[in-house]
Amino acid sequence: MKGSSMNTHMGKIVVHNEVIAQYAGSVAVECFGIVGMAGVSVKDGLVKLLRKDSITRGISVTLRQNRLILDFHVIVAYGVSILAVTDNLISNVKYKVEEFTGIQIEKINIYVDGVRVID
């Protein structure tokens, strides 16, 4: 089981990386300008928008020296400032995931894999 752990006075707490990725993904898709998470097909290199139930495939969670590193593969809305969207994503995810897990975030990497026009 890959998970992030912390020791408390009552014992050890382990949070599975899939749980962190699910929570971080749900926070990310609530951010303005984010259409959704992206999944890249290794076979043909195509980028596709992931459905809500497979949102964690667009997120990678790594624990290094008791700090989290999150990688997001996102699709942004056409016509919005990518810098503004990513700054908003970083601040929201950092605050909410640290509050949720109690583990500090060292770095958040964002890969913009596509742009979509929103109806």
C-alpha atoms as a PDB file:
ATOM      1  CA  MET A   1       0.000   0.000   0.000  1.00  0.00           C
ATOM      2  CA  LYS A   2       1.423   3.341  -1.040  1.00  0.00           C
ATOM      3  CA  GLY A   3       0.435   5.946   1.453  1.00  0.00           C
ATOM      4  CA  SER A   4       1.484   9.015   3.348  1.00  0.00           C
ATOM      5  CA  SER A   5       1.926   8.529   7.061  1.00  0.00           C
ATOM      6  CA  MET A   6       2.338  10.612  10.166  1.00  0.00           C
ATOM      7  CA  ASN A   7       3.017   9.700  13.766  1.00  0.00           C
ATOM      8  CA  THR A   8       0.897  11.105  16.563  1.00  0.00           C
ATOM      9  CA  HIS A   9       0.884  10.609  20.307  1.00  0.00           C
ATOM     10  CA  MET A  10      -1.875   7.994  19.791  1.00  0.00           C
ATOM     11  CA  GLY A  11      -0.137   6.035  17.026  1.00  0.00           C
ATOM     12  CA  LYS A  12       0.524   6.062  13.307  1.00  0.00           C
ATOM     13  CA  ILE A  13      -1.908   7.437  10.712  1.00  0.00           C
ATOM     14  CA  VAL A  14      -1.596   6.295   7.082  1.00  0.00           C
ATOM     15  CA  VAL A  15      -3.491   8.061   4.315  1.00  0.00           C
ATOM     16  CA  HIS A  16      -3.489   6.157   1.016  1.00  0.00           C
ATOM     17  CA  ASN A  17      -2.187   8.202  -1.934  1.00  0.00           C
ATOM     18  CA  GLU A  18      -5.387   7.419  -3.857  1.00  0.00           C
ATOM     19  CA  VAL A  19      -7.401   9.234  -1.150  1.00  0.00           C
ATOM     20  CA  ILE A  20      -5.147  12.287  -1.378  1.00  0.00           C
ATOM     21  CA  ALA A  21      -5.384  12.249  -5.188  1.00  0.00           C
ATOM     22  CA  GLN A  22      -9.195  11.956  -5.080  1.00  0.00           C
ATOM     23  CA  TYR A  23      -9.505  14.892  -2.685  1.00  0.00           C
ATOM     24  CA  ALA A  24      -6.974  17.030  -4.575  1.00  0.00           C
ATOM     25  CA  GLY A  25      -8.777  16.265  -7.853  1.00  0.00           C
ATOM     26  CA  SER A  26     -12.142  17.279  -6.456  1.00  0.00           C
ATOM     27  CA  VAL A  27     -10.631  20.545  -5.203  1.00  0.00           C
ATOM     28  CA  ALA A  28      -8.953  21.146  -8.577  1.00  0.00           C
ATOM     29  CA  VAL A  29     -12.083  20.733 -10.706  1.00  0.00           C
ATOM     30  CA  GLU A  30     -13.881  23.289  -8.507  1.00  0.00           C
ATOM     31  CA  CYS A  31     -11.314  25.944  -9.490  1.00  0.00           C
ATOM     32  CA  PHE A  32     -12.293  28.550 -12.065  1.00  0.00           C
ATOM     33  CA  GLY A  33     -10.949  27.778 -15.528  1.00  0.00           C
ATOM     34  CA  ILE A  34     -10.301  24.075 -14.948  1.00  0.00           C
ATOM     35  CA  VAL A  35     -12.440  21.963 -17.267  1.00  0.00           C
ATOM     36  CA  GLY A  36     -11.195  18.689 -15.818  1.00  0.00           C
ATOM     37  CA  MET A  37      -8.287  16.331 -15.387  1.00  0.00           C
ATOM     38  CA  ALA A  38      -6.446  14.957 -18.407  1.00  0.00           C
ATOM     39  CA  GLY A  39      -5.502  11.391 -19.182  1.00  0.00           C
ATOM     40  CA  VAL A  40      -2.793  10.761 -21.766  1.00  0.00           C
ATOM     41  CA  SER A  41      -2.892   7.568 -23.802  1.00  0.00           C
ATOM     42  CA  VAL A  42       0.634   6.152 -23.927  1.00  0.00           C
ATOM     43  CA  LYS A  43      -0.218   4.105 -26.998  1.00  0.00           C
ATOM     44  CA  ASP A  44      -1.147   6.982 -29.310  1.00  0.00           C
ATOM     45  CA  GLY A  45      -0.305  10.099 -27.264  1.00  0.00           C
ATOM     46  CA  LEU A  46      -3.875  11.431 -27.262  1.00  0.00           C
ATOM     47  CA  VAL A  47      -5.135  13.552 -24.404  1.00  0.00           C
ATOM     48  CA  LYS A  48      -8.681  12.980 -23.174  1.00  0.00           C
ATOM     49  CA  LEU A  49     -10.865  14.545 -20.548  1.00  0.00           C
ATOM     50  CA  LEU A  50     -11.328  12.164 -17.620  1.00  0.00           C
ATOM     51  CA  ARG A  51     -14.734  11.539 -16.082  1.00  0.00           C
ATOM     52  CA  LYS A  52     -15.337  12.320 -12.408  1.00  0.00           C
ATOM     53  CA  ASP A  53     -14.997   8.663 -11.383  1.00  0.00           C
ATOM     54  CA  SER A  54     -11.491   8.348 -12.896  1.00  0.00           C
ATOM     55  CA  ILE A  55     -10.196  11.768 -11.863  1.00  0.00           C
ATOM     56  CA  THR A  56      -7.230  10.336  -9.943  1.00  0.00           C
ATOM     57  CA  ARG A  57      -5.557   9.112 -13.138  1.00  0.00           C
ATOM     58  CA  GLY A  58      -4.661  12.744 -13.889  1.00  0.00           C
ATOM     59  CA  ILE A  59      -2.918  13.236 -10.536  1.00  0.00           C
ATOM     60  CA  SER A  60       0.308  11.835  -9.150  1.00  0.00           C
ATOM     61  CA  VAL A  61       1.019  11.908  -5.400  1.00  0.00           C
ATOM     62  CA  THR A  62       4.551  11.463  -4.045  1.00  0.00           C
ATOM     63  CA  LEU A  63       5.705  11.630  -0.426  1.00  0.00           C
ATOM     64  CA  ARG A  64       9.303  12.748   0.073  1.00  0.00           C
ATOM     65  CA  GLN A  65      10.757  13.587   3.494  1.00  0.00           C
ATOM     66  CA  ASN A  66       7.275  13.903   5.049  1.00  0.00           C
ATOM     67  CA  ARG A  67       6.137  16.398   2.396  1.00  0.00           C
ATOM     68  CA  LEU A  68       3.813  15.883  -0.533  1.00  0.00           C
ATOM     69  CA  ILE A  69       4.574  16.522  -4.182  1.00  0.00           C
ATOM     70  CA  LEU A  70       1.485  16.697  -6.406  1.00  0.00           C
ATOM     71  CA  ASP A  71       1.478  16.533 -10.215  1.00  0.00           C
ATOM     72  CA  PHE A  72      -1.697  17.628 -12.012  1.00  0.00           C
ATOM     73  CA  HIS A  73      -2.500  17.009 -15.683  1.00  0.00           C
ATOM     74  CA  VAL A  74      -5.324  19.424 -16.459  1.00  0.00           C
ATOM     75  CA  ILE A  75      -7.457  20.721 -19.287  1.00  0.00           C
ATOM     76  CA  VAL A  76      -8.206  24.437 -19.067  1.00  0.00           C
ATOM     77  CA  ALA A  77     -11.051  26.500 -20.480  1.00  0.00           C
ATOM     78  CA  TYR A  78     -10.432  28.393 -23.693  1.00  0.00           C
ATOM     79  CA  GLY A  79      -9.969  32.141 -23.280  1.00  0.00           C
ATOM     80  CA  VAL A  80      -8.859  32.243 -19.646  1.00  0.00           C
ATOM     81  CA  SER A  81      -5.418  33.238 -18.402  1.00  0.00           C
ATOM     82  CA  ILE A  82      -3.459  30.042 -17.785  1.00  0.00           C
ATOM     83  CA  LEU A  83      -1.305  31.857 -15.216  1.00  0.00           C
ATOM     84  CA  ALA A  84      -4.361  33.019 -13.253  1.00  0.00           C
ATOM     85  CA  VAL A  85      -5.954  29.558 -13.390  1.00  0.00           C
ATOM     86  CA  THR A  86      -2.800  27.771 -12.237  1.00  0.00           C
ATOM     87  CA  ASP A  87      -2.133  30.280  -9.440  1.00  0.00           C
ATOM     88  CA  ASN A  88      -5.709  29.772  -8.222  1.00  0.00           C
ATOM     89  CA  LEU A  89      -5.326  25.988  -8.477  1.00  0.00           C
ATOM     90  CA  ILE A  90      -2.068  25.990  -6.518  1.00  0.00           C
ATOM     91  CA  SER A  91      -3.354  28.164  -3.682  1.00  0.00           C
ATOM     92  CA  ASN A  92      -6.667  26.283  -3.319  1.00  0.00           C
ATOM     93  CA  VAL A  93      -5.129  22.813  -3.474  1.00  0.00           C
ATOM     94  CA  LYS A  94      -2.251  23.702  -1.154  1.00  0.00           C
ATOM     95  CA  TYR A  95      -4.540  25.124   1.519  1.00  0.00           C
ATOM     96  CA  LYS A  96      -7.257  22.465   1.353  1.00  0.00           C
ATOM     97  CA  VAL A  97      -5.018  19.389   1.020  1.00  0.00           C
ATOM     98  CA  GLU A  98      -2.745  20.503   3.859  1.00  0.00           C
ATOM     99  CA  GLU A  99      -5.820  21.135   5.998  1.00  0.00           C
ATOM    100  CA  PHE A 100      -7.321  17.745   5.031  1.00  0.00           C
ATOM    101  CA  THR A 101      -4.202  15.591   5.495  1.00  0.00           C
ATOM    102  CA  GLY A 102      -2.082  17.515   7.996  1.00  0.00           C
ATOM    103  CA  ILE A 103       0.916  16.947   5.689  1.00  0.00           C
ATOM    104  CA  GLN A 104       2.748  19.905   4.173  1.00  0.00           C
ATOM    105  CA  ILE A 105       2.963  20.247   0.402  1.00  0.00           C
ATOM    106  CA  GLU A 106       6.466  20.780  -0.923  1.00  0.00           C
ATOM    107  CA  LYS A 107       5.593  21.303  -4.568  1.00  0.00           C
ATOM    108  CA  ILE A 108       2.655  21.326  -6.980  1.00  0.00           C
ATOM    109  CA  ASN A 109       3.462  20.744 -10.644  1.00  0.00           C
ATOM    110  CA  ILE A 110       0.772  21.570 -13.199  1.00  0.00           C
ATOM    111  CA  TYR A 111       0.854  20.239 -16.752  1.00  0.00           C
ATOM    112  CA  VAL A 112      -1.683  21.866 -19.051  1.00  0.00           C
ATOM    113  CA  ASP A 113      -2.437  19.052 -21.496  1.00  0.00           C
ATOM    114  CA  GLY A 114      -5.307  20.642 -23.360  1.00  0.00           C
ATOM    115  CA  VAL A 115      -7.707  23.502 -23.914  1.00  0.00           C
ATOM    116  CA  ARG A 116     -11.486  23.132 -24.293  1.00  0.00           C
ATOM    117  CA  VAL A 117     -14.215  25.523 -25.299  1.00  0.00           C
ATOM    118  CA  ILE A 118     -16.935  25.582 -22.650  1.00  0.00           C
ATOM    119  CA  ASP A 119     -20.537  25.719 -23.882  1.00  0.00           C
END
